[in-house]
Amino acid sequence: MLYADRGYDYDLYRRRLRERGITPKIARRSQPHRSGLGKVRWDTESAIAWLHGPRRLRIRWEARDDMHDALLQLAYCMTLARKHPAF
């Protein structure tokens, strides 16, 4: 299943997704904003934003993939530590 906003509301995109066996959940342009897609989309976008919040990950200074992966894991741990209360 793929969630998308109104910018992708074209029959071409829907058809191509169905050809690949993916169910499109794309908001319609002429419909009011009560589709509920924003709730699902916000969770995904916020998770990506939290992981790429540190400047070093956003700009991708590291040329080595293993170093970038290590920094990404560190950012993930820091994000979890901030989001969960201390024991």
C-alpha atoms as a PDB file:
ATOM      1  CA  MET A   1       0.000   0.000   0.000  1.00  0.00           C
ATOM      2  CA  LEU A   2       1.312   3.458  -0.894  1.00  0.00           C
ATOM      3  CA  TYR A   3       0.051   6.686   0.681  1.00  0.00           C
ATOM      4  CA  ALA A   4       0.422   9.945  -1.247  1.00  0.00           C
ATOM      5  CA  ASP A   5      -0.939  13.474  -1.227  1.00  0.00           C
ATOM      6  CA  ARG A   6      -2.920  15.308  -3.884  1.00  0.00           C
ATOM      7  CA  GLY A   7       0.156  16.161  -5.910  1.00  0.00           C
ATOM      8  CA  TYR A   8       0.171  12.572  -7.188  1.00  0.00           C
ATOM      9  CA  ASP A   9      -3.551  12.387  -8.052  1.00  0.00           C
ATOM     10  CA  TYR A  10      -3.162  11.208 -11.648  1.00  0.00           C
ATOM     11  CA  ASP A  11      -4.633   8.105 -13.248  1.00  0.00           C
ATOM     12  CA  LEU A  12      -1.218   7.317 -14.743  1.00  0.00           C
ATOM     13  CA  TYR A  13       0.346   6.929 -11.279  1.00  0.00           C
ATOM     14  CA  ARG A  14      -2.554   4.865  -9.994  1.00  0.00           C
ATOM     15  CA  ARG A  15      -2.409   2.553 -13.008  1.00  0.00           C
ATOM     16  CA  ARG A  16       1.366   2.032 -12.744  1.00  0.00           C
ATOM     17  CA  LEU A  17       1.110   1.214  -9.057  1.00  0.00           C
ATOM     18  CA  ARG A  18      -1.651  -1.328  -9.654  1.00  0.00           C
ATOM     19  CA  GLU A  19       0.433  -2.940 -12.430  1.00  0.00           C
ATOM     20  CA  ARG A  20       3.113  -3.560  -9.820  1.00  0.00           C
ATOM     21  CA  GLY A  21       0.657  -4.982  -7.307  1.00  0.00           C
ATOM     22  CA  ILE A  22       0.669  -1.889  -5.066  1.00  0.00           C
ATOM     23  CA  THR A  23      -2.602  -0.497  -3.740  1.00  0.00           C
ATOM     24  CA  PRO A  24      -2.596   3.303  -4.132  1.00  0.00           C
ATOM     25  CA  LYS A  25      -4.059   5.432  -1.333  1.00  0.00           C
ATOM     26  CA  ILE A  26      -3.803   8.821  -3.026  1.00  0.00           C
ATOM     27  CA  ALA A  27      -5.936  11.750  -1.867  1.00  0.00           C
ATOM     28  CA  ARG A  28      -8.277  13.138  -4.522  1.00  0.00           C
ATOM     29  CA  ARG A  29      -7.901  16.782  -5.512  1.00  0.00           C
ATOM     30  CA  SER A  30     -11.594  17.635  -5.442  1.00  0.00           C
ATOM     31  CA  GLN A  31     -12.316  15.930  -2.099  1.00  0.00           C
ATOM     32  CA  PRO A  32     -12.220  17.615   1.316  1.00  0.00           C
ATOM     33  CA  HIS A  33      -9.300  16.967   3.664  1.00  0.00           C
ATOM     34  CA  ARG A  34     -11.060  14.249   5.662  1.00  0.00           C
ATOM     35  CA  SER A  35      -9.299  11.345   3.987  1.00  0.00           C
ATOM     36  CA  GLY A  36      -7.098  10.601   7.016  1.00  0.00           C
ATOM     37  CA  LEU A  37      -3.979  10.281   4.856  1.00  0.00           C
ATOM     38  CA  GLY A  38      -2.259  13.116   6.699  1.00  0.00           C
ATOM     39  CA  LYS A  39      -2.092  11.114   9.927  1.00  0.00           C
ATOM     40  CA  VAL A  40      -0.215   8.226   8.316  1.00  0.00           C
ATOM     41  CA  ARG A  41       1.970  10.506   6.233  1.00  0.00           C
ATOM     42  CA  TRP A  42       2.948  12.688   9.188  1.00  0.00           C
ATOM     43  CA  ASP A  43       4.276   9.688  11.134  1.00  0.00           C
ATOM     44  CA  THR A  44       6.503   8.649   8.257  1.00  0.00           C
ATOM     45  CA  GLU A  45       7.765  12.142   7.455  1.00  0.00           C
ATOM     46  CA  SER A  46       8.444  12.977  11.089  1.00  0.00           C
ATOM     47  CA  ALA A  47      10.435   9.764  11.584  1.00  0.00           C
ATOM     48  CA  ILE A  48      12.602  10.597   8.572  1.00  0.00           C
ATOM     49  CA  ALA A  49      13.020  14.175   9.797  1.00  0.00           C
ATOM     50  CA  TRP A  50      14.106  12.984  13.256  1.00  0.00           C
ATOM     51  CA  LEU A  51      16.739  10.704  11.773  1.00  0.00           C
ATOM     52  CA  HIS A  52      18.088  13.346   9.405  1.00  0.00           C
ATOM     53  CA  GLY A  53      17.891  16.185  11.906  1.00  0.00           C
ATOM     54  CA  PRO A  54      21.607  16.273  12.723  1.00  0.00           C
ATOM     55  CA  ARG A  55      23.419  18.442  10.190  1.00  0.00           C
ATOM     56  CA  ARG A  56      26.067  15.865   9.456  1.00  0.00           C
ATOM     57  CA  LEU A  57      23.415  13.385   8.260  1.00  0.00           C
ATOM     58  CA  ARG A  58      21.368  15.965   6.381  1.00  0.00           C
ATOM     59  CA  ILE A  59      24.243  17.106   4.194  1.00  0.00           C
ATOM     60  CA  ARG A  60      25.944  13.705   3.984  1.00  0.00           C
ATOM     61  CA  TRP A  61      29.546  14.727   4.557  1.00  0.00           C
ATOM     62  CA  GLU A  62      30.640  11.133   4.963  1.00  0.00           C
ATOM     63  CA  ALA A  63      31.839   9.458   1.773  1.00  0.00           C
ATOM     64  CA  ARG A  64      31.966   6.022   3.376  1.00  0.00           C
ATOM     65  CA  ASP A  65      28.661   4.198   3.701  1.00  0.00           C
ATOM     66  CA  ASP A  66      29.652   2.454   6.930  1.00  0.00           C
ATOM     67  CA  MET A  67      30.394   5.780   8.640  1.00  0.00           C
ATOM     68  CA  HIS A  68      27.101   7.270   7.473  1.00  0.00           C
ATOM     69  CA  ASP A  69      25.255   4.178   8.692  1.00  0.00           C
ATOM     70  CA  ALA A  70      26.958   4.426  12.085  1.00  0.00           C
ATOM     71  CA  LEU A  71      25.980   8.087  12.411  1.00  0.00           C
ATOM     72  CA  LEU A  72      22.436   7.266  11.359  1.00  0.00           C
ATOM     73  CA  GLN A  73      22.224   4.600  14.070  1.00  0.00           C
ATOM     74  CA  LEU A  74      23.603   7.063  16.630  1.00  0.00           C
ATOM     75  CA  ALA A  75      20.972   9.619  15.599  1.00  0.00           C
ATOM     76  CA  TYR A  76      18.305   6.933  15.976  1.00  0.00           C
ATOM     77  CA  CYS A  77      19.487   6.141  19.510  1.00  0.00           C
ATOM     78  CA  MET A  78      19.567   9.834  20.415  1.00  0.00           C
ATOM     79  CA  THR A  79      16.041  10.290  19.057  1.00  0.00           C
ATOM     80  CA  LEU A  80      14.728   7.354  21.071  1.00  0.00           C
ATOM     81  CA  ALA A  81      16.425   8.668  24.193  1.00  0.00           C
ATOM     82  CA  ARG A  82      14.706  12.039  23.747  1.00  0.00           C
ATOM     83  CA  LYS A  83      11.277  10.597  22.958  1.00  0.00           C
ATOM     84  CA  HIS A  84      11.093   8.084  25.808  1.00  0.00           C
ATOM     85  CA  PRO A  85      11.098   9.078  29.467  1.00  0.00           C
ATOM     86  CA  ALA A  86      14.137   8.209  31.562  1.00  0.00           C
ATOM     87  CA  PHE A  87      13.858   5.216  33.894  1.00  0.00           C
END
